[in-house]
């Protein structure tokens, strides 16, 4: 299509590109998701960053896309993961950290900096 841009992910007003394992992208647009090896958007061709498989694993990049259920389920799963770290957080602080983790995924949409004050 157009100029090539290497990225691990980018958010557009009506779409998102997220890198997943295997130098692939999860493309989200119009309420639909699909997996592609490159993405064309706005006259540009987006290429996945050349991450090694060990770095992909360390970053916990997903292998594909799937429904997660609801936001409540997602935050609940994140809370369980935070609680399993056994760092002495009470239930309220664990929920705050889990919500903060989820917020980092859309930080570029926030009106300011994200701060977790325990």
PDB file of N, CA and C in Angstrom:
ATOM      1  N   UNK A   1       0.848  -1.182   0.000  1.00  0.00           N
ATOM      2  CA  UNK A   1       0.000   0.000   0.000  1.00  0.00           C
ATOM      3  C   UNK A   1       0.887   1.236   0.000  1.00  0.00           C
ATOM      4  N   UNK A   2       1.310   1.719   1.180  1.00  0.00           N
ATOM      5  CA  UNK A   2       2.128   2.915   1.239  1.00  0.00           C
ATOM      6  C   UNK A   2       3.424   2.664   1.982  1.00  0.00           C
ATOM      7  N   UNK A   3       3.918   3.718   2.627  1.00  0.00           N
ATOM      8  CA  UNK A   3       5.137   3.589   3.417  1.00  0.00           C
ATOM      9  C   UNK A   3       4.962   2.512   4.478  1.00  0.00           C
ATOM     10  N   UNK A   4       6.076   1.850   4.821  1.00  0.00           N
ATOM     11  CA  UNK A   4       6.035   0.785   5.815  1.00  0.00           C
ATOM     12  C   UNK A   4       6.483   1.325   7.170  1.00  0.00           C
ATOM     13  N   UNK A   5       5.749   0.947   8.210  1.00  0.00           N
ATOM     14  CA  UNK A   5       6.052   1.362   9.576  1.00  0.00           C
ATOM     15  C   UNK A   5       6.143   0.107  10.439  1.00  0.00           C
ATOM     16  N   UNK A   6       7.264  -0.038  11.149  1.00  0.00           N
ATOM     17  CA  UNK A   6       7.434  -1.164  12.065  1.00  0.00           C
ATOM     18  C   UNK A   6       6.868  -0.756  13.416  1.00  0.00           C
ATOM     19  N   UNK A   7       6.008  -1.604  13.995  1.00  0.00           N
ATOM     20  CA  UNK A   7       5.369  -1.276  15.268  1.00  0.00           C
ATOM     21  C   UNK A   7       5.001  -2.551  16.025  1.00  0.00           C
ATOM     22  N   UNK A   8       4.881  -2.411  17.349  1.00  0.00           N
ATOM     23  CA  UNK A   8       4.345  -3.498  18.178  1.00  0.00           C
ATOM     24  C   UNK A   8       2.882  -3.240  18.494  1.00  0.00           C
ATOM     25  N   UNK A   9       2.385  -2.077  18.084  1.00  0.00           N
ATOM     26  CA  UNK A   9       0.981  -1.765  18.297  1.00  0.00           C
ATOM     27  C   UNK A   9       0.718  -0.290  18.166  1.00  0.00           C
ATOM     28  N   UNK A  10      -0.486   0.025  17.760  1.00  0.00           N
ATOM     29  CA  UNK A  10      -0.870   1.427  17.595  1.00  0.00           C
ATOM     30  C   UNK A  10      -2.393   1.524  17.687  1.00  0.00           C
ATOM     31  N   UNK A  11      -2.855   2.634  18.231  1.00  0.00           N
ATOM     32  CA  UNK A  11      -4.284   2.860  18.395  1.00  0.00           C
ATOM     33  C   UNK A  11      -4.717   4.000  17.476  1.00  0.00           C
ATOM     34  N   UNK A  12      -5.770   3.753  16.705  1.00  0.00           N
ATOM     35  CA  UNK A  12      -6.355   4.744  15.811  1.00  0.00           C
ATOM     36  C   UNK A  12      -7.736   5.106  16.340  1.00  0.00           C
ATOM     37  N   UNK A  13      -8.347   6.182  15.834  1.00  0.00           N
ATOM     38  CA  UNK A  13      -9.686   6.551  16.310  1.00  0.00           C
ATOM     39  C   UNK A  13     -10.734   5.451  16.136  1.00  0.00           C
ATOM     40  N   UNK A  14     -10.589   4.622  15.099  1.00  0.00           N
ATOM     41  CA  UNK A  14     -11.598   3.595  14.822  1.00  0.00           C
ATOM     42  C   UNK A  14     -11.025   2.188  14.681  1.00  0.00           C
ATOM     43  N   UNK A  15      -9.770   1.989  15.101  1.00  0.00           N
ATOM     44  CA  UNK A  15      -9.128   0.686  14.946  1.00  0.00           C
ATOM     45  C   UNK A  15      -7.925   0.587  15.876  1.00  0.00           C
ATOM     46  N   UNK A  16      -7.446  -0.641  16.053  1.00  0.00           N
ATOM     47  CA  UNK A  16      -6.236  -0.865  16.844  1.00  0.00           C
ATOM     48  C   UNK A  16      -5.461  -2.024  16.238  1.00  0.00           C
ATOM     49  N   UNK A  17      -4.140  -1.937  16.360  1.00  0.00           N
ATOM     50  CA  UNK A  17      -3.238  -2.991  15.918  1.00  0.00           C
ATOM     51  C   UNK A  17      -2.410  -3.383  17.132  1.00  0.00           C
ATOM     52  N   UNK A  18      -2.438  -4.670  17.507  1.00  0.00           N
ATOM     53  CA  UNK A  18      -1.657  -5.179  18.632  1.00  0.00           C
ATOM     54  C   UNK A  18      -0.813  -6.342  18.158  1.00  0.00           C
ATOM     55  N   UNK A  19       0.473  -6.326  18.496  1.00  0.00           N
ATOM     56  CA  UNK A  19       1.320  -7.447  18.115  1.00  0.00           C
ATOM     57  C   UNK A  19       1.027  -8.643  19.009  1.00  0.00           C
ATOM     58  N   UNK A  20       0.988  -9.819  18.390  1.00  0.00           N
ATOM     59  CA  UNK A  20       0.843 -11.076  19.118  1.00  0.00           C
ATOM     60  C   UNK A  20       2.041 -11.951  18.747  1.00  0.00           C
ATOM     61  N   UNK A  21       2.116 -13.137  19.331  1.00  0.00           N
ATOM     62  CA  UNK A  21       3.261 -14.021  19.063  1.00  0.00           C
ATOM     63  C   UNK A  21       3.363 -14.393  17.592  1.00  0.00           C
ATOM     64  N   UNK A  22       4.579 -14.745  17.205  1.00  0.00           N
ATOM     65  CA  UNK A  22       4.804 -15.212  15.837  1.00  0.00           C
ATOM     66  C   UNK A  22       4.834 -14.099  14.816  1.00  0.00           C
ATOM     67  N   UNK A  23       5.224 -12.892  15.258  1.00  0.00           N
ATOM     68  CA  UNK A  23       5.301 -11.737  14.355  1.00  0.00           C
ATOM     69  C   UNK A  23       4.001 -11.544  13.579  1.00  0.00           C
ATOM     70  N   UNK A  24       2.905 -11.571  14.334  1.00  0.00           N
ATOM     71  CA  UNK A  24       1.561 -11.377  13.788  1.00  0.00           C
ATOM     72  C   UNK A  24       0.904 -10.193  14.492  1.00  0.00           C
ATOM     73  N   UNK A  25      -0.151  -9.684  13.900  1.00  0.00           N
ATOM     74  CA  UNK A  25      -0.957  -8.623  14.502  1.00  0.00           C
ATOM     75  C   UNK A  25      -2.365  -9.124  14.795  1.00  0.00           C
ATOM     76  N   UNK A  26      -2.932  -8.633  15.880  1.00  0.00           N
ATOM     77  CA  UNK A  26      -4.371  -8.707  16.093  1.00  0.00           C
ATOM     78  C   UNK A  26      -4.908  -7.363  15.630  1.00  0.00           C
ATOM     79  N   UNK A  27      -5.804  -7.380  14.671  1.00  0.00           N
ATOM     80  CA  UNK A  27      -6.397  -6.154  14.125  1.00  0.00           C
ATOM     81  C   UNK A  27      -7.821  -6.030  14.641  1.00  0.00           C
ATOM     82  N   UNK A  28      -8.136  -4.896  15.234  1.00  0.00           N
ATOM     83  CA  UNK A  28      -9.465  -4.651  15.800  1.00  0.00           C
ATOM     84  C   UNK A  28     -10.069  -3.460  15.067  1.00  0.00           C
ATOM     85  N   UNK A  29     -11.199  -3.696  14.409  1.00  0.00           N
ATOM     86  CA  UNK A  29     -11.860  -2.598  13.698  1.00  0.00           C
ATOM     87  C   UNK A  29     -13.328  -2.943  13.503  1.00  0.00           C
ATOM     88  N   UNK A  30     -14.187  -1.969  13.788  1.00  0.00           N
ATOM     89  CA  UNK A  30     -15.617  -2.149  13.577  1.00  0.00           C
ATOM     90  C   UNK A  30     -16.222  -3.269  14.398  1.00  0.00           C
ATOM     91  N   UNK A  31     -15.701  -3.486  15.595  1.00  0.00           N
ATOM     92  CA  UNK A  31     -16.225  -4.530  16.451  1.00  0.00           C
ATOM     93  C   UNK A  31     -15.791  -5.933  16.063  1.00  0.00           C
ATOM     94  N   UNK A  32     -14.908  -6.039  15.094  1.00  0.00           N
ATOM     95  CA  UNK A  32     -14.412  -7.335  14.620  1.00  0.00           C
ATOM     96  C   UNK A  32     -12.909  -7.431  14.867  1.00  0.00           C
ATOM     97  N   UNK A  33     -12.424  -8.642  15.043  1.00  0.00           N
ATOM     98  CA  UNK A  33     -10.994  -8.876  15.231  1.00  0.00           C
ATOM     99  C   UNK A  33     -10.536  -9.956  14.271  1.00  0.00           C
ATOM    100  N   UNK A  34      -9.312  -9.817  13.806  1.00  0.00           N
ATOM    101  CA  UNK A  34      -8.718 -10.839  12.951  1.00  0.00           C
ATOM    102  C   UNK A  34      -7.198 -10.810  13.132  1.00  0.00           C
ATOM    103  N   UNK A  35      -6.544 -11.873  12.736  1.00  0.00           N
ATOM    104  CA  UNK A  35      -5.089 -11.978  12.822  1.00  0.00           C
ATOM    105  C   UNK A  35      -4.510 -11.855  11.419  1.00  0.00           C
ATOM    106  N   UNK A  36      -3.502 -11.000  11.296  1.00  0.00           N
ATOM    107  CA  UNK A  36      -2.846 -10.777  10.003  1.00  0.00           C
ATOM    108  C   UNK A  36      -1.337 -10.636  10.224  1.00  0.00           C
ATOM    109  N   UNK A  37      -0.554 -10.852   9.164  1.00  0.00           N
ATOM    110  CA  UNK A  37       0.903 -10.699   9.266  1.00  0.00           C
ATOM    111  C   UNK A  37       1.348  -9.261   9.018  1.00  0.00           C
ATOM    112  N   UNK A  38       0.544  -8.463   8.341  1.00  0.00           N
ATOM    113  CA  UNK A  38       0.763  -7.028   8.156  1.00  0.00           C
ATOM    114  C   UNK A  38      -0.600  -6.344   8.226  1.00  0.00           C
ATOM    115  N   UNK A  39      -0.581  -5.031   8.450  1.00  0.00           N
ATOM    116  CA  UNK A  39      -1.839  -4.285   8.515  1.00  0.00           C
ATOM    117  C   UNK A  39      -1.726  -3.039   7.649  1.00  0.00           C
ATOM    118  N   UNK A  40      -2.741  -2.798   6.853  1.00  0.00           N
ATOM    119  CA  UNK A  40      -2.813  -1.581   6.043  1.00  0.00           C
ATOM    120  C   UNK A  40      -3.857  -0.664   6.647  1.00  0.00           C
ATOM    121  N   UNK A  41      -3.453   0.596   6.916  1.00  0.00           N
ATOM    122  CA  UNK A  41      -4.381   1.562   7.492  1.00  0.00           C
ATOM    123  C   UNK A  41      -3.910   2.962   7.128  1.00  0.00           C
ATOM    124  N   UNK A  42      -4.830   3.783   6.679  1.00  0.00           N
ATOM    125  CA  UNK A  42      -4.542   5.197   6.412  1.00  0.00           C
ATOM    126  C   UNK A  42      -3.419   5.439   5.419  1.00  0.00           C
ATOM    127  N   UNK A  43      -3.265   4.542   4.465  1.00  0.00           N
ATOM    128  CA  UNK A  43      -2.228   4.729   3.458  1.00  0.00           C
ATOM    129  C   UNK A  43      -0.861   4.200   3.870  1.00  0.00           C
ATOM    130  N   UNK A  44      -0.767   3.569   5.027  1.00  0.00           N
ATOM    131  CA  UNK A  44       0.491   3.003   5.510  1.00  0.00           C
ATOM    132  C   UNK A  44       0.351   1.494   5.671  1.00  0.00           C
ATOM    133  N   UNK A  45       1.475   0.809   5.549  1.00  0.00           N
ATOM    134  CA  UNK A  45       1.535  -0.622   5.814  1.00  0.00           C
ATOM    135  C   UNK A  45       2.318  -0.816   7.105  1.00  0.00           C
ATOM    136  N   UNK A  46       1.695  -1.454   8.087  1.00  0.00           N
ATOM    137  CA  UNK A  46       2.312  -1.675   9.387  1.00  0.00           C
ATOM    138  C   UNK A  46       2.860  -3.093   9.446  1.00  0.00           C
ATOM    139  N   UNK A  47       4.122  -3.191   9.876  1.00  0.00           N
ATOM    140  CA  UNK A  47       4.846  -4.459   9.957  1.00  0.00           C
ATOM    141  C   UNK A  47       5.120  -4.751  11.429  1.00  0.00           C
ATOM    142  N   UNK A  48       4.911  -5.999  11.890  1.00  0.00           N
ATOM    143  CA  UNK A  48       5.209  -6.314  13.288  1.00  0.00           C
ATOM    144  C   UNK A  48       6.694  -6.130  13.614  1.00  0.00           C
ATOM    145  N   UNK A  49       6.959  -5.659  14.826  1.00  0.00           N
ATOM    146  CA  UNK A  49       8.340  -5.505  15.285  1.00  0.00           C
ATOM    147  C   UNK A  49       9.021  -6.871  15.295  1.00  0.00           C
ATOM    148  N   UNK A  50      10.292  -6.901  15.001  1.00  0.00           N
ATOM    149  CA  UNK A  50      11.044  -8.148  14.937  1.00  0.00           C
ATOM    150  C   UNK A  50      11.498  -8.623  16.309  1.00  0.00           C
ATOM    151  N   UNK A  51      10.559  -9.060  17.126  1.00  0.00           N
ATOM    152  CA  UNK A  51      10.882  -9.525  18.473  1.00  0.00           C
ATOM    153  C   UNK A  51      11.289 -10.993  18.434  1.00  0.00           C
ATOM    154  N   UNK A  52      12.295 -11.348  19.231  1.00  0.00           N
ATOM    155  CA  UNK A  52      12.682 -12.759  19.324  1.00  0.00           C
ATOM    156  C   UNK A  52      11.586 -13.525  20.065  1.00  0.00           C
ATOM    157  N   UNK A  53      11.550 -14.836  19.869  1.00  0.00           N
ATOM    158  CA  UNK A  53      10.521 -15.635  20.544  1.00  0.00           C
ATOM    159  C   UNK A  53      10.686 -15.569  22.061  1.00  0.00           C
ATOM    160  N   UNK A  54      11.924 -15.456  22.555  1.00  0.00           N
ATOM    161  CA  UNK A  54      12.115 -15.357  24.009  1.00  0.00           C
ATOM    162  C   UNK A  54      11.589 -14.024  24.538  1.00  0.00           C
ATOM    163  N   UNK A  55      11.739 -12.937  23.771  1.00  0.00           N
ATOM    164  CA  UNK A  55      11.183 -11.652  24.197  1.00  0.00           C
ATOM    165  C   UNK A  55       9.660 -11.669  24.117  1.00  0.00           C
ATOM    166  N   UNK A  56       9.106 -12.283  23.083  1.00  0.00           N
ATOM    167  CA  UNK A  56       7.646 -12.422  22.992  1.00  0.00           C
ATOM    168  C   UNK A  56       7.107 -13.158  24.218  1.00  0.00           C
ATOM    169  N   UNK A  57       7.815 -14.211  24.634  1.00  0.00           N
ATOM    170  CA  UNK A  57       7.386 -14.976  25.798  1.00  0.00           C
ATOM    171  C   UNK A  57       7.533 -14.148  27.076  1.00  0.00           C
ATOM    172  N   UNK A  58       8.638 -13.420  27.209  1.00  0.00           N
ATOM    173  CA  UNK A  58       8.856 -12.595  28.395  1.00  0.00           C
ATOM    174  C   UNK A  58       7.805 -11.488  28.508  1.00  0.00           C
ATOM    175  N   UNK A  59       7.374 -10.960  27.366  1.00  0.00           N
ATOM    176  CA  UNK A  59       6.338  -9.918  27.352  1.00  0.00           C
ATOM    177  C   UNK A  59       4.938 -10.501  27.510  1.00  0.00           C
ATOM    178  N   UNK A  60       4.831 -11.823  27.512  1.00  0.00           N
ATOM    179  CA  UNK A  60       3.543 -12.520  27.623  1.00  0.00           C
ATOM    180  C   UNK A  60       2.593 -12.137  26.493  1.00  0.00           C
ATOM    181  N   UNK A  61       3.139 -12.001  25.293  1.00  0.00           N
ATOM    182  CA  UNK A  61       2.276 -11.696  24.153  1.00  0.00           C
ATOM    183  C   UNK A  61       1.343 -12.874  23.915  1.00  0.00           C
ATOM    184  N   UNK A  62       0.080 -12.593  23.643  1.00  0.00           N
ATOM    185  CA  UNK A  62      -0.859 -13.686  23.377  1.00  0.00           C
ATOM    186  C   UNK A  62      -0.543 -14.368  22.057  1.00  0.00           C
ATOM    187  N   UNK A  63      -0.964 -15.612  21.953  1.00  0.00           N
ATOM    188  CA  UNK A  63      -0.746 -16.380  20.731  1.00  0.00           C
ATOM    189  C   UNK A  63      -1.826 -16.101  19.696  1.00  0.00           C
ATOM    190  N   UNK A  64      -2.935 -15.531  20.116  1.00  0.00           N
ATOM    191  CA  UNK A  64      -4.040 -15.270  19.196  1.00  0.00           C
ATOM    192  C   UNK A  64      -5.056 -14.361  19.853  1.00  0.00           C
ATOM    193  N   UNK A  65      -6.264 -14.373  19.328  1.00  0.00           N
ATOM    194  CA  UNK A  65      -7.332 -13.545  19.870  1.00  0.00           C
ATOM    195  C   UNK A  65      -8.485 -14.435  20.291  1.00  0.00           C
ATOM    196  N   UNK A  66      -9.168 -14.019  21.333  1.00  0.00           N
ATOM    197  CA  UNK A  66     -10.357 -14.739  21.785  1.00  0.00           C
ATOM    198  C   UNK A  66     -11.187 -13.800  22.650  1.00  0.00           C
ATOM    199  N   UNK A  67     -12.453 -14.111  22.781  1.00  0.00           N
ATOM    200  CA  UNK A  67     -13.320 -13.344  23.655  1.00  0.00           C
ATOM    201  C   UNK A  67     -12.869 -13.531  25.098  1.00  0.00           C
ATOM    202  N   UNK A  68     -12.927 -12.456  25.894  1.00  0.00           N
ATOM    203  CA  UNK A  68     -12.535 -12.581  27.298  1.00  0.00           C
ATOM    204  C   UNK A  68     -13.740 -12.592  28.211  1.00  0.00           C
ATOM    205  N   UNK A  69     -14.914 -12.382  27.697  1.00  0.00           N
ATOM    206  CA  UNK A  69     -16.122 -12.383  28.522  1.00  0.00           C
ATOM    207  C   UNK A  69     -16.580 -10.967  28.794  1.00  0.00           C
ATOM    208  N   UNK A  70     -16.270 -10.488  29.980  1.00  0.00           N
ATOM    209  CA  UNK A  70     -16.685  -9.132  30.346  1.00  0.00           C
ATOM    210  C   UNK A  70     -15.518  -8.418  31.019  1.00  0.00           C
ATOM    211  N   UNK A  71     -15.657  -7.116  31.157  1.00  0.00           N
ATOM    212  CA  UNK A  71     -14.631  -6.338  31.844  1.00  0.00           C
ATOM    213  C   UNK A  71     -14.489  -6.816  33.290  1.00  0.00           C
ATOM    214  N   UNK A  72     -15.608  -7.153  33.912  1.00  0.00           N
ATOM    215  CA  UNK A  72     -15.562  -7.652  35.291  1.00  0.00           C
ATOM    216  C   UNK A  72     -14.762  -8.944  35.376  1.00  0.00           C
ATOM    217  N   UNK A  73     -14.952  -9.844  34.406  1.00  0.00           N
ATOM    218  CA  UNK A  73     -14.190 -11.092  34.378  1.00  0.00           C
ATOM    219  C   UNK A  73     -12.700 -10.820  34.179  1.00  0.00           C
ATOM    220  N   UNK A  74     -12.382  -9.888  33.288  1.00  0.00           N
ATOM    221  CA  UNK A  74     -10.993  -9.547  33.012  1.00  0.00           C
ATOM    222  C   UNK A  74     -10.317  -8.989  34.262  1.00  0.00           C
ATOM    223  N   UNK A  75     -10.970  -8.038  34.929  1.00  0.00           N
ATOM    224  CA  UNK A  75     -10.403  -7.455  36.153  1.00  0.00           C
ATOM    225  C   UNK A  75     -10.298  -8.518  37.245  1.00  0.00           C
ATOM    226  N   UNK A  76     -11.282  -9.410  37.321  1.00  0.00           N
ATOM    227  CA  UNK A  76     -11.226 -10.500  38.288  1.00  0.00           C
ATOM    228  C   UNK A  76     -10.034 -11.412  38.046  1.00  0.00           C
ATOM    229  N   UNK A  77      -9.786 -11.755  36.783  1.00  0.00           N
ATOM    230  CA  UNK A  77      -8.631 -12.595  36.449  1.00  0.00           C
ATOM    231  C   UNK A  77      -7.319 -11.877  36.769  1.00  0.00           C
ATOM    232  N   UNK A  78      -7.251 -10.590  36.453  1.00  0.00           N
ATOM    233  CA  UNK A  78      -6.049  -9.820  36.785  1.00  0.00           C
ATOM    234  C   UNK A  78      -5.849  -9.756  38.301  1.00  0.00           C
ATOM    235  N   UNK A  79      -6.931  -9.585  39.050  1.00  0.00           N
ATOM    236  CA  UNK A  79      -6.845  -9.540  40.515  1.00  0.00           C
ATOM    237  C   UNK A  79      -6.290 -10.843  41.065  1.00  0.00           C
ATOM    238  N   UNK A  80      -6.744 -11.964  40.522  1.00  0.00           N
ATOM    239  CA  UNK A  80      -6.225 -13.269  40.958  1.00  0.00           C
ATOM    240  C   UNK A  80      -4.728 -13.370  40.677  1.00  0.00           C
ATOM    241  N   UNK A  81      -4.305 -12.880  39.529  1.00  0.00           N
ATOM    242  CA  UNK A  81      -2.884 -12.903  39.191  1.00  0.00           C
ATOM    243  C   UNK A  81      -2.065 -12.038  40.129  1.00  0.00           C
ATOM    244  N   UNK A  82      -2.564 -10.846  40.450  1.00  0.00           N
ATOM    245  CA  UNK A  82      -1.868  -9.952  41.390  1.00  0.00           C
ATOM    246  C   UNK A  82      -1.811 -10.599  42.766  1.00  0.00           C
ATOM    247  N   UNK A  83      -2.919 -11.163  43.210  1.00  0.00           N
ATOM    248  CA  UNK A  83      -2.966 -11.794  44.538  1.00  0.00           C
ATOM    249  C   UNK A  83      -2.000 -12.969  44.626  1.00  0.00           C
ATOM    250  N   UNK A  84      -1.787 -13.675  43.524  1.00  0.00           N
ATOM    251  CA  UNK A  84      -0.885 -14.831  43.542  1.00  0.00           C
ATOM    252  C   UNK A  84       0.574 -14.431  43.730  1.00  0.00           C
ATOM    253  N   UNK A  85       0.882 -13.146  43.534  1.00  0.00           N
ATOM    254  CA  UNK A  85       2.255 -12.665  43.735  1.00  0.00           C
ATOM    255  C   UNK A  85       2.605 -12.568  45.219  1.00  0.00           C
ATOM    256  N   UNK A  86       1.599 -12.631  46.082  1.00  0.00           N
ATOM    257  CA  UNK A  86       1.793 -12.658  47.534  1.00  0.00           C
ATOM    258  C   UNK A  86       2.711 -11.535  48.022  1.00  0.00           C
ATOM    259  N   UNK A  87       2.313 -10.293  47.711  1.00  0.00           N
ATOM    260  CA  UNK A  87       3.085  -9.131  48.150  1.00  0.00           C
ATOM    261  C   UNK A  87       2.412  -8.403  49.312  1.00  0.00           C
ATOM    262  N   UNK A  88       1.390  -9.020  49.892  1.00  0.00           N
ATOM    263  CA  UNK A  88       0.772  -8.468  51.089  1.00  0.00           C
ATOM    264  C   UNK A  88      -0.262  -7.385  50.858  1.00  0.00           C
ATOM    265  N   UNK A  89      -0.849  -7.337  49.675  1.00  0.00           N
ATOM    266  CA  UNK A  89      -1.887  -6.339  49.394  1.00  0.00           C
ATOM    267  C   UNK A  89      -3.230  -6.843  49.901  1.00  0.00           C
ATOM    268  N   UNK A  90      -4.028  -5.931  50.471  1.00  0.00           N
ATOM    269  CA  UNK A  90      -5.377  -6.325  50.857  1.00  0.00           C
ATOM    270  C   UNK A  90      -6.252  -6.378  49.595  1.00  0.00           C
ATOM    271  N   UNK A  91      -7.495  -6.796  49.748  1.00  0.00           N
ATOM    272  CA  UNK A  91      -8.376  -6.995  48.594  1.00  0.00           C
ATOM    273  C   UNK A  91      -8.589  -5.704  47.805  1.00  0.00           C
ATOM    274  N   UNK A  92      -8.755  -4.577  48.501  1.00  0.00           N
ATOM    275  CA  UNK A  92      -8.965  -3.303  47.811  1.00  0.00           C
ATOM    276  C   UNK A  92      -7.749  -2.875  47.013  1.00  0.00           C
ATOM    277  N   UNK A  93      -6.567  -3.033  47.592  1.00  0.00           N
ATOM    278  CA  UNK A  93      -5.335  -2.663  46.889  1.00  0.00           C
ATOM    279  C   UNK A  93      -5.095  -3.595  45.704  1.00  0.00           C
ATOM    280  N   UNK A  94      -5.416  -4.873  45.866  1.00  0.00           N
ATOM    281  CA  UNK A  94      -5.271  -5.832  44.772  1.00  0.00           C
ATOM    282  C   UNK A  94      -6.164  -5.438  43.598  1.00  0.00           C
ATOM    283  N   UNK A  95      -7.396  -5.052  43.885  1.00  0.00           N
ATOM    284  CA  UNK A  95      -8.321  -4.611  42.839  1.00  0.00           C
ATOM    285  C   UNK A  95      -7.809  -3.340  42.164  1.00  0.00           C
ATOM    286  N   UNK A  96      -7.255  -2.418  42.951  1.00  0.00           N
ATOM    287  CA  UNK A  96      -6.719  -1.175  42.399  1.00  0.00           C
ATOM    288  C   UNK A  96      -5.555  -1.468  41.452  1.00  0.00           C
ATOM    289  N   UNK A  97      -4.650  -2.352  41.857  1.00  0.00           N
ATOM    290  CA  UNK A  97      -3.513  -2.701  41.003  1.00  0.00           C
ATOM    291  C   UNK A  97      -4.003  -3.393  39.728  1.00  0.00           C
ATOM    292  N   UNK A  98      -4.955  -4.317  39.850  1.00  0.00           N
ATOM    293  CA  UNK A  98      -5.491  -5.014  38.679  1.00  0.00           C
ATOM    294  C   UNK A  98      -6.136  -4.025  37.706  1.00  0.00           C
ATOM    295  N   UNK A  99      -6.895  -3.083  38.232  1.00  0.00           N
ATOM    296  CA  UNK A  99      -7.529  -2.072  37.381  1.00  0.00           C
ATOM    297  C   UNK A  99      -6.476  -1.173  36.738  1.00  0.00           C
ATOM    298  N   UNK A 100      -5.434  -0.860  37.481  1.00  0.00           N
ATOM    299  CA  UNK A 100      -4.326  -0.063  36.941  1.00  0.00           C
ATOM    300  C   UNK A 100      -3.613  -0.776  35.807  1.00  0.00           C
ATOM    301  N   UNK A 101      -3.426  -2.084  35.957  1.00  0.00           N
ATOM    302  CA  UNK A 101      -2.799  -2.870  34.887  1.00  0.00           C
ATOM    303  C   UNK A 101      -3.649  -2.786  33.626  1.00  0.00           C
ATOM    304  N   UNK A 102      -4.952  -2.992  33.771  1.00  0.00           N
ATOM    305  CA  UNK A 102      -5.844  -2.910  32.609  1.00  0.00           C
ATOM    306  C   UNK A 102      -5.805  -1.514  31.991  1.00  0.00           C
ATOM    307  N   UNK A 103      -5.713  -0.490  32.826  1.00  0.00           N
ATOM    308  CA  UNK A 103      -5.690   0.891  32.324  1.00  0.00           C
ATOM    309  C   UNK A 103      -4.449   1.172  31.490  1.00  0.00           C
ATOM    310  N   UNK A 104      -3.336   0.482  31.774  1.00  0.00           N
ATOM    311  CA  UNK A 104      -2.126   0.718  30.981  1.00  0.00           C
ATOM    312  C   UNK A 104      -2.302   0.298  29.533  1.00  0.00           C
ATOM    313  N   UNK A 105      -3.252  -0.618  29.284  1.00  0.00           N
ATOM    314  CA  UNK A 105      -3.479  -1.081  27.917  1.00  0.00           C
ATOM    315  C   UNK A 105      -4.131  -0.013  27.057  1.00  0.00           C
ATOM    316  N   UNK A 106      -4.736   0.982  27.682  1.00  0.00           N
ATOM    317  CA  UNK A 106      -5.384   2.066  26.935  1.00  0.00           C
ATOM    318  C   UNK A 106      -4.929   3.430  27.451  1.00  0.00           C
ATOM    319  N   UNK A 107      -3.706   3.481  27.970  1.00  0.00           N
ATOM    320  CA  UNK A 107      -3.195   4.712  28.589  1.00  0.00           C
ATOM    321  C   UNK A 107      -3.189   5.886  27.630  1.00  0.00           C
ATOM    322  N   UNK A 108      -2.975   5.627  26.348  1.00  0.00           N
ATOM    323  CA  UNK A 108      -2.938   6.729  25.393  1.00  0.00           C
ATOM    324  C   UNK A 108      -4.311   7.353  25.172  1.00  0.00           C
ATOM    325  N   UNK A 109      -5.362   6.749  25.720  1.00  0.00           N
ATOM    326  CA  UNK A 109      -6.711   7.316  25.631  1.00  0.00           C
ATOM    327  C   UNK A 109      -7.062   8.148  26.863  1.00  0.00           C
ATOM    328  N   UNK A 110      -6.252   8.062  27.907  1.00  0.00           N
ATOM    329  CA  UNK A 110      -6.539   8.765  29.159  1.00  0.00           C
ATOM    330  C   UNK A 110      -6.225  10.254  29.023  1.00  0.00           C
ATOM    331  N   UNK A 111      -6.952  11.093  29.765  1.00  0.00           N
ATOM    332  CA  UNK A 111      -6.709  12.529  29.668  1.00  0.00           C
ATOM    333  C   UNK A 111      -5.413  12.971  30.353  1.00  0.00           C
ATOM    334  N   UNK A 112      -4.813  12.117  31.152  1.00  0.00           N
ATOM    335  CA  UNK A 112      -3.569  12.461  31.854  1.00  0.00           C
ATOM    336  C   UNK A 112      -2.820  11.201  32.239  1.00  0.00           C
ATOM    337  N   UNK A 113      -1.817  11.374  33.106  1.00  0.00           N
ATOM    338  CA  UNK A 113      -1.023  10.227  33.554  1.00  0.00           C
ATOM    339  C   UNK A 113      -1.855   9.292  34.424  1.00  0.00           C
ATOM    340  N   UNK A 114      -1.554   8.014  34.335  1.00  0.00           N
ATOM    341  CA  UNK A 114      -2.183   7.020  35.203  1.00  0.00           C
ATOM    342  C   UNK A 114      -1.315   6.870  36.443  1.00  0.00           C
ATOM    343  N   UNK A 115      -1.920   6.995  37.619  1.00  0.00           N
ATOM    344  CA  UNK A 115      -1.181   6.883  38.865  1.00  0.00           C
ATOM    345  C   UNK A 115      -1.918   5.909  39.777  1.00  0.00           C
ATOM    346  N   UNK A 116      -1.178   4.958  40.353  1.00  0.00           N
ATOM    347  CA  UNK A 116      -1.745   4.044  41.335  1.00  0.00           C
ATOM    348  C   UNK A 116      -1.149   4.433  42.672  1.00  0.00           C
ATOM    349  N   UNK A 117      -1.990   4.936  43.547  1.00  0.00           N
ATOM    350  CA  UNK A 117      -1.535   5.407  44.871  1.00  0.00           C
ATOM    351  C   UNK A 117      -2.038   4.427  45.935  1.00  0.00           C
ATOM    352  N   UNK A 118      -1.132   3.553  46.392  1.00  0.00           N
ATOM    353  CA  UNK A 118      -1.491   2.585  47.417  1.00  0.00           C
ATOM    354  C   UNK A 118      -1.246   3.193  48.771  1.00  0.00           C
TER     355      UNK A 118
END
